[in-house]
């Protein structure tokens, strides 16, 4: 079983896809944008880049955002489908759990971020015969307010805390293999 969330799209866009993993065992991320030295030290430049030019926090421009996100989703689907094929060939049960992250519900990171794009993987993986389930609707039913989401996450980085991971484990344990399709 593998868990996937919107941060996987961001990682793919920012760091690169499978090309970042070299044959020699080293990892090589995509080069940073040319403007990063200025971005690091100038809040004014950051404001211009994000608020005026419309770049998102993964440094997608408005003219390449959709293309980059669509490519990341397609590449993630291909990786997960390949993992599924490997597991089938080796008689290993495999499934994908797509889950929201708490900060989707209480942080305003970027008006350009569409966290639920990760949910597009459900029909893509279903079409390839991969067992997949999304925890979004059950979590949204469980935690209906930003305060409820804050109670199950760490205040600084927005990741699930122990309570959040307990709830995730209970939710996953509640699925039977028939329900994950």
N, C-alpha and C. Protein backbone atom coordinates (compact mmCIF):
# COMPACT_ATOMS: atom_id res chain seq x y z
N UNK A 1 0.85 -1.17 0.00
CA UNK A 1 0.00 0.00 0.00
C UNK A 1 0.90 1.23 0.00
N UNK A 2 0.51 2.21 -0.78
CA UNK A 2 1.28 3.45 -0.84
C UNK A 2 0.32 4.63 -0.70
N UNK A 3 0.72 5.60 0.08
CA UNK A 3 -0.07 6.82 0.26
C UNK A 3 0.44 7.92 -0.66
N UNK A 4 -0.50 8.63 -1.25
CA UNK A 4 -0.17 9.70 -2.20
C UNK A 4 -1.00 10.93 -1.83
N UNK A 5 -0.39 12.11 -1.92
CA UNK A 5 -1.13 13.35 -1.68
C UNK A 5 -0.61 14.45 -2.60
N UNK A 6 -1.17 15.63 -2.47
CA UNK A 6 -0.84 16.72 -3.40
C UNK A 6 0.63 17.12 -3.35
N UNK A 7 1.32 16.83 -2.27
CA UNK A 7 2.74 17.17 -2.21
C UNK A 7 3.54 16.36 -3.23
N UNK A 8 3.01 15.21 -3.66
CA UNK A 8 3.71 14.42 -4.67
C UNK A 8 3.71 15.13 -6.03
N UNK A 9 2.65 15.87 -6.32
CA UNK A 9 2.64 16.67 -7.54
C UNK A 9 3.70 17.76 -7.44
N UNK A 10 3.72 18.45 -6.30
CA UNK A 10 4.69 19.53 -6.11
C UNK A 10 6.11 19.01 -6.20
N UNK A 11 6.39 17.86 -5.58
CA UNK A 11 7.73 17.28 -5.66
C UNK A 11 8.13 17.00 -7.10
N UNK A 12 7.20 16.44 -7.87
CA UNK A 12 7.48 16.10 -9.26
C UNK A 12 7.78 17.37 -10.06
N UNK A 13 6.98 18.39 -9.84
CA UNK A 13 7.17 19.65 -10.59
C UNK A 13 8.48 20.33 -10.18
N UNK A 14 8.76 20.40 -8.89
CA UNK A 14 9.93 21.13 -8.41
C UNK A 14 11.22 20.31 -8.58
N UNK A 15 11.20 19.09 -8.13
CA UNK A 15 12.43 18.29 -8.09
C UNK A 15 12.71 17.52 -9.36
N UNK A 16 11.65 17.18 -10.09
CA UNK A 16 11.82 16.39 -11.30
C UNK A 16 11.17 15.02 -11.13
N UNK A 17 11.09 14.33 -12.25
CA UNK A 17 10.50 13.00 -12.25
C UNK A 17 11.56 11.93 -12.06
N UNK A 18 11.39 10.84 -12.76
CA UNK A 18 12.32 9.73 -12.62
C UNK A 18 13.72 10.08 -13.11
N UNK A 19 13.83 11.08 -13.96
CA UNK A 19 15.15 11.48 -14.47
C UNK A 19 16.08 11.97 -13.36
N UNK A 20 15.53 12.31 -12.20
CA UNK A 20 16.39 12.78 -11.11
C UNK A 20 17.17 11.66 -10.44
N UNK A 21 16.79 10.41 -10.68
CA UNK A 21 17.46 9.27 -10.09
C UNK A 21 18.48 8.72 -11.09
N UNK A 22 19.75 8.95 -10.82
CA UNK A 22 20.82 8.56 -11.73
C UNK A 22 21.18 7.09 -11.57
N UNK A 23 21.77 6.55 -12.61
CA UNK A 23 22.19 5.15 -12.60
C UNK A 23 23.26 4.88 -11.55
N UNK A 24 24.04 5.90 -11.19
CA UNK A 24 25.10 5.72 -10.20
C UNK A 24 24.60 5.79 -8.76
N UNK A 25 23.29 5.90 -8.58
CA UNK A 25 22.71 5.94 -7.24
C UNK A 25 22.55 7.34 -6.68
N UNK A 26 23.07 8.33 -7.36
CA UNK A 26 22.94 9.72 -6.92
C UNK A 26 21.60 10.29 -7.37
N UNK A 27 21.19 11.36 -6.73
CA UNK A 27 19.97 12.07 -7.10
C UNK A 27 20.34 13.46 -7.58
N UNK A 28 19.77 13.86 -8.68
CA UNK A 28 20.03 15.19 -9.23
C UNK A 28 18.70 15.88 -9.49
N UNK A 29 18.41 16.89 -8.70
CA UNK A 29 17.15 17.62 -8.88
C UNK A 29 17.24 18.55 -10.07
N UNK A 30 16.06 18.98 -10.51
CA UNK A 30 16.02 19.99 -11.57
C UNK A 30 16.77 21.22 -11.11
N UNK A 31 17.36 21.94 -12.04
CA UNK A 31 18.01 23.19 -11.63
C UNK A 31 16.96 24.18 -11.12
N UNK A 32 17.34 24.96 -10.15
CA UNK A 32 16.41 25.96 -9.63
C UNK A 32 16.21 27.05 -10.68
N UNK A 33 15.10 27.77 -10.60
CA UNK A 33 14.87 28.86 -11.56
C UNK A 33 15.98 29.91 -11.47
N UNK A 34 16.21 30.57 -12.58
CA UNK A 34 17.29 31.56 -12.67
C UNK A 34 17.16 32.68 -11.65
N UNK A 35 15.94 32.93 -11.20
CA UNK A 35 15.70 34.06 -10.31
C UNK A 35 15.81 33.73 -8.82
N UNK A 36 16.19 32.51 -8.48
CA UNK A 36 16.23 32.12 -7.06
C UNK A 36 17.16 32.96 -6.19
N UNK A 37 18.33 33.38 -6.65
CA UNK A 37 19.14 34.23 -5.77
C UNK A 37 18.40 35.51 -5.35
N UNK A 38 17.67 36.10 -6.26
CA UNK A 38 16.89 37.30 -5.95
C UNK A 38 15.69 36.93 -5.06
N UNK A 39 15.05 35.82 -5.36
CA UNK A 39 13.88 35.36 -4.61
C UNK A 39 14.24 35.10 -3.14
N UNK A 40 15.41 34.53 -2.91
CA UNK A 40 15.84 34.20 -1.54
C UNK A 40 15.89 35.42 -0.63
N UNK A 41 16.27 36.55 -1.19
CA UNK A 41 16.56 37.72 -0.34
C UNK A 41 15.60 38.89 -0.49
N UNK A 42 14.69 38.82 -1.45
CA UNK A 42 13.83 39.98 -1.69
C UNK A 42 12.35 39.62 -1.59
N UNK A 43 11.72 40.12 -0.53
CA UNK A 43 10.27 39.91 -0.40
C UNK A 43 9.52 40.71 -1.45
N UNK A 44 10.06 41.82 -1.87
CA UNK A 44 9.44 42.60 -2.95
C UNK A 44 9.41 41.79 -4.24
N UNK A 45 10.54 41.12 -4.55
CA UNK A 45 10.57 40.28 -5.75
C UNK A 45 9.56 39.15 -5.64
N UNK A 46 9.48 38.54 -4.45
CA UNK A 46 8.50 37.47 -4.25
C UNK A 46 7.08 37.96 -4.52
N UNK A 47 6.77 39.15 -4.03
CA UNK A 47 5.43 39.72 -4.24
C UNK A 47 5.16 39.91 -5.73
N UNK A 48 6.14 40.45 -6.44
CA UNK A 48 5.97 40.66 -7.88
C UNK A 48 5.79 39.31 -8.58
N UNK A 49 6.64 38.35 -8.25
CA UNK A 49 6.59 37.05 -8.91
C UNK A 49 5.24 36.36 -8.69
N UNK A 50 4.75 36.36 -7.45
CA UNK A 50 3.52 35.63 -7.15
C UNK A 50 2.26 36.44 -7.41
N UNK A 51 2.24 37.68 -6.95
CA UNK A 51 1.00 38.47 -7.01
C UNK A 51 0.79 39.17 -8.34
N UNK A 52 1.85 39.55 -9.00
CA UNK A 52 1.69 40.26 -10.28
C UNK A 52 1.89 39.31 -11.46
N UNK A 53 2.98 38.54 -11.44
CA UNK A 53 3.25 37.64 -12.56
C UNK A 53 2.47 36.33 -12.49
N UNK A 54 1.94 35.99 -11.29
CA UNK A 54 1.07 34.83 -11.16
C UNK A 54 1.75 33.49 -11.02
N UNK A 55 3.03 33.47 -10.66
CA UNK A 55 3.70 32.19 -10.40
C UNK A 55 3.13 31.57 -9.13
N UNK A 56 3.02 30.23 -9.11
CA UNK A 56 2.57 29.57 -7.89
C UNK A 56 3.79 29.20 -7.03
N UNK A 57 3.55 28.57 -5.87
CA UNK A 57 4.64 28.29 -4.95
C UNK A 57 5.59 27.21 -5.46
N UNK A 58 5.22 26.48 -6.50
CA UNK A 58 6.14 25.51 -7.10
C UNK A 58 6.85 26.13 -8.30
N UNK A 59 6.70 27.44 -8.46
CA UNK A 59 7.33 28.23 -9.52
C UNK A 59 6.83 27.88 -10.91
N UNK A 60 5.59 27.42 -10.99
CA UNK A 60 4.91 27.30 -12.27
C UNK A 60 4.43 28.68 -12.67
N UNK A 61 4.68 29.05 -13.89
CA UNK A 61 4.11 30.30 -14.39
C UNK A 61 2.67 30.03 -14.82
N UNK A 62 1.87 31.08 -14.99
CA UNK A 62 0.49 30.85 -15.43
C UNK A 62 0.42 30.17 -16.80
N UNK A 63 1.44 30.36 -17.62
CA UNK A 63 1.41 29.79 -18.97
C UNK A 63 1.92 28.35 -19.03
N UNK A 64 2.54 27.82 -17.95
CA UNK A 64 2.95 26.42 -18.01
C UNK A 64 2.42 25.58 -16.84
N UNK A 65 1.64 26.18 -15.96
CA UNK A 65 1.14 25.48 -14.77
C UNK A 65 0.35 24.23 -15.15
N UNK A 66 -0.65 24.38 -15.99
CA UNK A 66 -1.51 23.24 -16.33
C UNK A 66 -0.71 22.12 -16.98
N UNK A 67 0.18 22.47 -17.89
CA UNK A 67 1.01 21.48 -18.57
C UNK A 67 1.89 20.73 -17.57
N UNK A 68 2.51 21.43 -16.64
CA UNK A 68 3.38 20.79 -15.65
C UNK A 68 2.61 19.88 -14.70
N UNK A 69 1.45 20.34 -14.26
CA UNK A 69 0.65 19.52 -13.34
C UNK A 69 0.10 18.29 -14.05
N UNK A 70 -0.38 18.46 -15.28
CA UNK A 70 -0.89 17.32 -16.05
C UNK A 70 0.22 16.30 -16.29
N UNK A 71 1.42 16.77 -16.60
CA UNK A 71 2.55 15.85 -16.81
C UNK A 71 2.90 15.13 -15.52
N UNK A 72 2.92 15.85 -14.40
CA UNK A 72 3.22 15.22 -13.11
C UNK A 72 2.19 14.14 -12.80
N UNK A 73 0.91 14.42 -13.01
CA UNK A 73 -0.13 13.42 -12.75
C UNK A 73 0.03 12.21 -13.66
N UNK A 74 0.29 12.44 -14.93
CA UNK A 74 0.48 11.32 -15.87
C UNK A 74 1.70 10.48 -15.48
N UNK A 75 2.78 11.14 -15.11
CA UNK A 75 3.98 10.42 -14.69
C UNK A 75 3.76 9.64 -13.40
N UNK A 76 3.07 10.25 -12.43
CA UNK A 76 2.75 9.54 -11.19
C UNK A 76 1.89 8.31 -11.48
N UNK A 77 0.91 8.48 -12.35
CA UNK A 77 0.06 7.34 -12.73
C UNK A 77 0.91 6.23 -13.33
N UNK A 78 1.84 6.59 -14.21
CA UNK A 78 2.68 5.57 -14.84
C UNK A 78 3.55 4.85 -13.82
N UNK A 79 4.11 5.58 -12.86
CA UNK A 79 4.95 4.96 -11.82
C UNK A 79 4.10 4.02 -10.97
N UNK A 80 2.92 4.47 -10.55
CA UNK A 80 2.06 3.64 -9.71
C UNK A 80 1.56 2.41 -10.47
N UNK A 81 1.27 2.57 -11.75
CA UNK A 81 0.84 1.45 -12.58
C UNK A 81 1.98 0.44 -12.74
N UNK A 82 3.19 0.94 -12.92
CA UNK A 82 4.36 0.06 -13.01
C UNK A 82 4.57 -0.70 -11.71
N UNK A 83 4.42 0.00 -10.58
CA UNK A 83 4.54 -0.67 -9.28
C UNK A 83 3.49 -1.76 -9.14
N UNK A 84 2.26 -1.47 -9.57
CA UNK A 84 1.18 -2.44 -9.51
C UNK A 84 1.51 -3.68 -10.35
N UNK A 85 2.01 -3.45 -11.55
CA UNK A 85 2.37 -4.57 -12.43
C UNK A 85 3.45 -5.44 -11.79
N UNK A 86 4.46 -4.81 -11.24
CA UNK A 86 5.52 -5.54 -10.55
C UNK A 86 4.93 -6.38 -9.41
N UNK A 87 4.06 -5.77 -8.63
CA UNK A 87 3.47 -6.47 -7.49
C UNK A 87 2.62 -7.66 -7.95
N UNK A 88 1.85 -7.47 -9.00
CA UNK A 88 1.04 -8.57 -9.53
C UNK A 88 1.94 -9.72 -9.97
N UNK A 89 3.01 -9.39 -10.69
CA UNK A 89 3.93 -10.42 -11.18
C UNK A 89 4.60 -11.18 -10.03
N UNK A 90 4.71 -10.56 -8.89
CA UNK A 90 5.37 -11.18 -7.74
C UNK A 90 4.40 -11.56 -6.63
N UNK A 91 3.11 -11.62 -6.99
CA UNK A 91 2.04 -12.03 -6.08
C UNK A 91 2.04 -11.21 -4.78
N UNK A 92 2.16 -9.90 -4.94
CA UNK A 92 2.13 -8.96 -3.82
C UNK A 92 0.88 -8.11 -3.96
N UNK A 93 0.11 -7.98 -2.88
CA UNK A 93 -1.05 -7.09 -2.92
C UNK A 93 -0.57 -5.64 -2.95
N UNK A 94 -1.16 -4.85 -3.82
CA UNK A 94 -0.77 -3.46 -3.96
C UNK A 94 -2.02 -2.61 -4.07
N UNK A 95 -2.02 -1.48 -3.39
CA UNK A 95 -3.11 -0.52 -3.52
C UNK A 95 -2.56 0.87 -3.24
N UNK A 96 -3.29 1.85 -3.72
CA UNK A 96 -2.92 3.26 -3.56
C UNK A 96 -3.99 3.94 -2.73
N UNK A 97 -3.55 4.65 -1.71
CA UNK A 97 -4.46 5.45 -0.89
C UNK A 97 -4.15 6.92 -1.16
N UNK A 98 -5.12 7.64 -1.66
CA UNK A 98 -4.95 9.07 -1.90
C UNK A 98 -5.59 9.78 -0.71
N UNK A 99 -4.83 10.67 -0.10
CA UNK A 99 -5.34 11.34 1.09
C UNK A 99 -5.06 12.84 1.04
N UNK A 100 -5.97 13.61 1.60
CA UNK A 100 -5.71 15.04 1.71
C UNK A 100 -4.67 15.30 2.79
N UNK A 101 -4.10 16.49 2.76
CA UNK A 101 -3.20 16.90 3.84
C UNK A 101 -3.89 18.01 4.62
N UNK A 102 -3.69 18.06 5.92
CA UNK A 102 -4.43 19.02 6.75
C UNK A 102 -4.34 20.47 6.29
N UNK A 103 -3.17 20.90 5.83
CA UNK A 103 -3.04 22.30 5.47
C UNK A 103 -3.92 22.71 4.29
N UNK A 104 -4.45 21.74 3.55
CA UNK A 104 -5.40 22.07 2.48
C UNK A 104 -6.62 22.80 3.05
N UNK A 105 -6.92 22.53 4.31
CA UNK A 105 -8.16 22.99 4.90
C UNK A 105 -8.02 24.19 5.82
N UNK A 106 -6.78 24.60 6.10
CA UNK A 106 -6.67 25.75 6.99
C UNK A 106 -5.54 26.71 6.66
N UNK A 107 -4.74 26.42 5.66
CA UNK A 107 -3.68 27.36 5.29
C UNK A 107 -3.97 27.91 3.91
N UNK A 108 -3.73 29.17 3.74
CA UNK A 108 -3.83 29.78 2.43
C UNK A 108 -2.41 29.94 1.91
N UNK A 109 -1.92 28.88 1.29
CA UNK A 109 -0.55 28.89 0.81
C UNK A 109 -0.43 29.67 -0.49
N UNK A 110 -1.39 29.51 -1.34
CA UNK A 110 -1.27 30.08 -2.67
C UNK A 110 -2.64 29.98 -3.33
N UNK A 111 -3.12 31.07 -3.84
CA UNK A 111 -4.44 31.04 -4.47
C UNK A 111 -4.44 30.22 -5.76
N UNK A 112 -3.28 29.90 -6.31
CA UNK A 112 -3.19 29.11 -7.53
C UNK A 112 -3.16 27.61 -7.28
N UNK A 113 -3.00 27.19 -6.03
CA UNK A 113 -2.87 25.78 -5.73
C UNK A 113 -4.24 25.12 -5.70
N UNK A 114 -4.37 24.05 -6.44
CA UNK A 114 -5.60 23.27 -6.44
C UNK A 114 -5.28 21.90 -5.87
N UNK A 115 -5.40 21.79 -4.55
CA UNK A 115 -4.98 20.59 -3.85
C UNK A 115 -5.68 19.33 -4.36
N UNK A 116 -6.93 19.45 -4.76
CA UNK A 116 -7.67 18.24 -5.11
C UNK A 116 -7.30 17.69 -6.48
N UNK A 117 -6.37 18.30 -7.18
CA UNK A 117 -5.91 17.74 -8.45
C UNK A 117 -5.38 16.31 -8.26
N UNK A 118 -4.86 16.00 -7.09
CA UNK A 118 -4.35 14.65 -6.84
C UNK A 118 -5.46 13.61 -6.97
N UNK A 119 -6.71 14.03 -6.73
CA UNK A 119 -7.83 13.10 -6.85
C UNK A 119 -8.07 12.63 -8.28
N UNK A 120 -7.50 13.34 -9.24
CA UNK A 120 -7.61 12.91 -10.64
C UNK A 120 -6.93 11.57 -10.87
N UNK A 121 -6.06 11.18 -9.96
CA UNK A 121 -5.41 9.87 -10.09
C UNK A 121 -6.38 8.71 -9.93
N UNK A 122 -7.47 8.91 -9.20
CA UNK A 122 -8.40 7.79 -8.94
C UNK A 122 -8.91 7.19 -10.25
N UNK A 123 -9.56 7.96 -11.14
CA UNK A 123 -10.02 7.32 -12.38
C UNK A 123 -8.88 6.90 -13.30
N UNK A 124 -7.76 7.63 -13.26
CA UNK A 124 -6.61 7.26 -14.09
C UNK A 124 -6.09 5.88 -13.68
N UNK A 125 -5.96 5.64 -12.39
CA UNK A 125 -5.46 4.36 -11.90
C UNK A 125 -6.51 3.26 -12.06
N UNK A 126 -7.78 3.60 -11.82
CA UNK A 126 -8.84 2.61 -12.03
C UNK A 126 -8.82 2.09 -13.46
N UNK A 127 -8.58 2.99 -14.42
CA UNK A 127 -8.55 2.60 -15.83
C UNK A 127 -7.42 1.62 -16.11
N UNK A 128 -6.37 1.67 -15.31
CA UNK A 128 -5.24 0.75 -15.48
C UNK A 128 -5.32 -0.47 -14.55
N UNK A 129 -6.44 -0.61 -13.85
CA UNK A 129 -6.64 -1.77 -13.00
C UNK A 129 -5.93 -1.72 -11.66
N UNK A 130 -5.51 -0.53 -11.24
CA UNK A 130 -4.84 -0.38 -9.95
C UNK A 130 -5.89 -0.18 -8.87
N UNK A 131 -5.75 -0.88 -7.75
CA UNK A 131 -6.66 -0.71 -6.62
C UNK A 131 -6.35 0.63 -5.96
N UNK A 132 -7.35 1.49 -5.86
CA UNK A 132 -7.13 2.85 -5.35
C UNK A 132 -8.34 3.31 -4.55
N UNK A 133 -8.07 4.07 -3.50
CA UNK A 133 -9.15 4.65 -2.70
C UNK A 133 -8.72 6.05 -2.28
N UNK A 134 -9.69 6.92 -2.14
CA UNK A 134 -9.44 8.27 -1.66
C UNK A 134 -10.06 8.43 -0.28
N UNK A 135 -9.30 9.04 0.63
CA UNK A 135 -9.80 9.29 1.98
C UNK A 135 -10.45 10.66 2.11
N UNK A 136 -10.47 11.44 1.04
CA UNK A 136 -10.95 12.82 1.13
C UNK A 136 -12.35 12.93 1.71
N UNK A 137 -13.32 12.21 1.14
CA UNK A 137 -14.71 12.40 1.60
C UNK A 137 -14.89 11.95 3.06
N UNK A 138 -14.24 10.86 3.45
CA UNK A 138 -14.40 10.42 4.84
C UNK A 138 -13.72 11.38 5.81
N UNK A 139 -12.57 11.92 5.43
CA UNK A 139 -11.90 12.90 6.30
C UNK A 139 -12.69 14.20 6.36
N UNK A 140 -13.23 14.62 5.24
CA UNK A 140 -14.03 15.85 5.25
C UNK A 140 -15.29 15.68 6.11
N UNK A 141 -15.85 14.48 6.13
CA UNK A 141 -17.01 14.23 6.98
C UNK A 141 -16.62 14.20 8.46
N UNK A 142 -15.41 13.75 8.74
CA UNK A 142 -14.92 13.63 10.12
C UNK A 142 -14.49 14.99 10.67
N UNK A 143 -13.79 15.78 9.86
CA UNK A 143 -13.24 17.07 10.30
C UNK A 143 -13.85 18.17 9.44
N UNK A 144 -14.85 18.85 9.99
CA UNK A 144 -15.64 19.78 9.20
C UNK A 144 -15.19 21.23 9.28
N UNK A 145 -14.22 21.52 10.12
CA UNK A 145 -13.80 22.92 10.28
C UNK A 145 -12.27 23.01 10.23
N UNK A 146 -11.75 24.19 9.93
CA UNK A 146 -10.30 24.36 9.98
C UNK A 146 -9.72 23.99 11.35
N UNK A 147 -10.45 24.31 12.41
CA UNK A 147 -9.97 23.99 13.76
C UNK A 147 -9.85 22.48 13.97
N UNK A 148 -10.79 21.72 13.42
CA UNK A 148 -10.74 20.26 13.53
C UNK A 148 -9.51 19.71 12.80
N UNK A 149 -9.20 20.28 11.63
CA UNK A 149 -8.01 19.86 10.89
C UNK A 149 -6.75 20.25 11.64
N UNK A 150 -6.75 21.41 12.27
CA UNK A 150 -5.58 21.85 13.05
C UNK A 150 -5.32 20.90 14.21
N UNK A 151 -6.38 20.35 14.79
CA UNK A 151 -6.24 19.46 15.94
C UNK A 151 -5.56 18.14 15.58
N UNK A 152 -5.53 17.80 14.30
CA UNK A 152 -4.92 16.53 13.88
C UNK A 152 -3.63 16.76 13.09
N UNK A 153 -3.05 17.95 13.23
CA UNK A 153 -1.82 18.24 12.49
C UNK A 153 -0.86 19.05 13.34
N UNK A 154 0.40 19.04 12.91
CA UNK A 154 1.42 19.84 13.58
C UNK A 154 1.27 21.29 13.16
N UNK A 155 1.39 22.22 14.09
CA UNK A 155 1.13 23.62 13.77
C UNK A 155 2.13 24.26 12.80
N UNK A 156 3.35 23.82 12.78
CA UNK A 156 4.34 24.49 11.93
C UNK A 156 4.32 23.97 10.50
N UNK A 157 4.36 22.66 10.31
CA UNK A 157 4.49 22.16 8.94
C UNK A 157 3.20 21.63 8.34
N UNK A 158 2.13 21.50 9.13
CA UNK A 158 0.84 21.08 8.58
C UNK A 158 0.71 19.59 8.32
N UNK A 159 1.71 18.78 8.66
CA UNK A 159 1.59 17.34 8.50
C UNK A 159 0.68 16.79 9.60
N UNK A 160 0.14 15.60 9.36
CA UNK A 160 -0.64 14.95 10.41
C UNK A 160 0.21 14.75 11.65
N UNK A 161 -0.41 14.88 12.80
CA UNK A 161 0.25 14.52 14.06
C UNK A 161 -0.20 13.10 14.40
N UNK A 162 0.07 12.65 15.62
CA UNK A 162 -0.30 11.30 16.01
C UNK A 162 -1.78 11.02 15.87
N UNK A 163 -2.62 12.00 16.26
CA UNK A 163 -4.08 11.82 16.13
C UNK A 163 -4.48 11.68 14.66
N UNK A 164 -3.86 12.47 13.82
CA UNK A 164 -4.18 12.41 12.39
C UNK A 164 -3.77 11.08 11.77
N UNK A 165 -2.57 10.63 12.12
CA UNK A 165 -2.12 9.35 11.58
C UNK A 165 -2.91 8.18 12.16
N UNK A 166 -3.35 8.28 13.41
CA UNK A 166 -4.23 7.26 13.97
C UNK A 166 -5.53 7.18 13.17
N UNK A 167 -6.10 8.35 12.87
CA UNK A 167 -7.35 8.38 12.10
C UNK A 167 -7.13 7.81 10.70
N UNK A 168 -5.97 8.13 10.11
CA UNK A 168 -5.68 7.59 8.78
C UNK A 168 -5.56 6.06 8.85
N UNK A 169 -4.87 5.55 9.85
CA UNK A 169 -4.71 4.11 9.99
C UNK A 169 -6.06 3.42 10.19
N UNK A 170 -6.91 4.02 11.02
CA UNK A 170 -8.25 3.44 11.24
C UNK A 170 -9.06 3.43 9.95
N UNK A 171 -8.97 4.51 9.19
CA UNK A 171 -9.72 4.61 7.93
C UNK A 171 -9.23 3.57 6.94
N UNK A 172 -7.92 3.43 6.81
CA UNK A 172 -7.36 2.45 5.88
C UNK A 172 -7.71 1.04 6.33
N UNK A 173 -7.63 0.78 7.62
CA UNK A 173 -7.96 -0.56 8.13
C UNK A 173 -9.42 -0.90 7.87
N UNK A 174 -10.26 0.12 7.78
CA UNK A 174 -11.68 -0.12 7.53
C UNK A 174 -12.00 -0.54 6.10
N UNK A 175 -11.08 -0.34 5.21
CA UNK A 175 -11.30 -0.75 3.83
C UNK A 175 -11.04 -2.24 3.68
N UNK A 176 -11.88 -2.90 2.94
CA UNK A 176 -11.55 -4.27 2.55
C UNK A 176 -10.97 -4.17 1.15
N UNK A 177 -10.33 -5.19 0.70
CA UNK A 177 -9.73 -5.16 -0.64
C UNK A 177 -10.80 -4.99 -1.71
N UNK A 178 -12.05 -5.43 -1.42
CA UNK A 178 -13.13 -5.22 -2.38
C UNK A 178 -13.50 -3.75 -2.50
N UNK A 179 -13.37 -3.01 -1.40
CA UNK A 179 -13.74 -1.59 -1.41
C UNK A 179 -12.71 -0.74 -2.14
N UNK A 180 -11.47 -1.19 -2.17
CA UNK A 180 -10.42 -0.47 -2.87
C UNK A 180 -10.39 -1.02 -4.28
N UNK A 181 -10.98 -0.26 -5.20
CA UNK A 181 -11.04 -0.78 -6.58
C UNK A 181 -10.62 0.24 -7.58
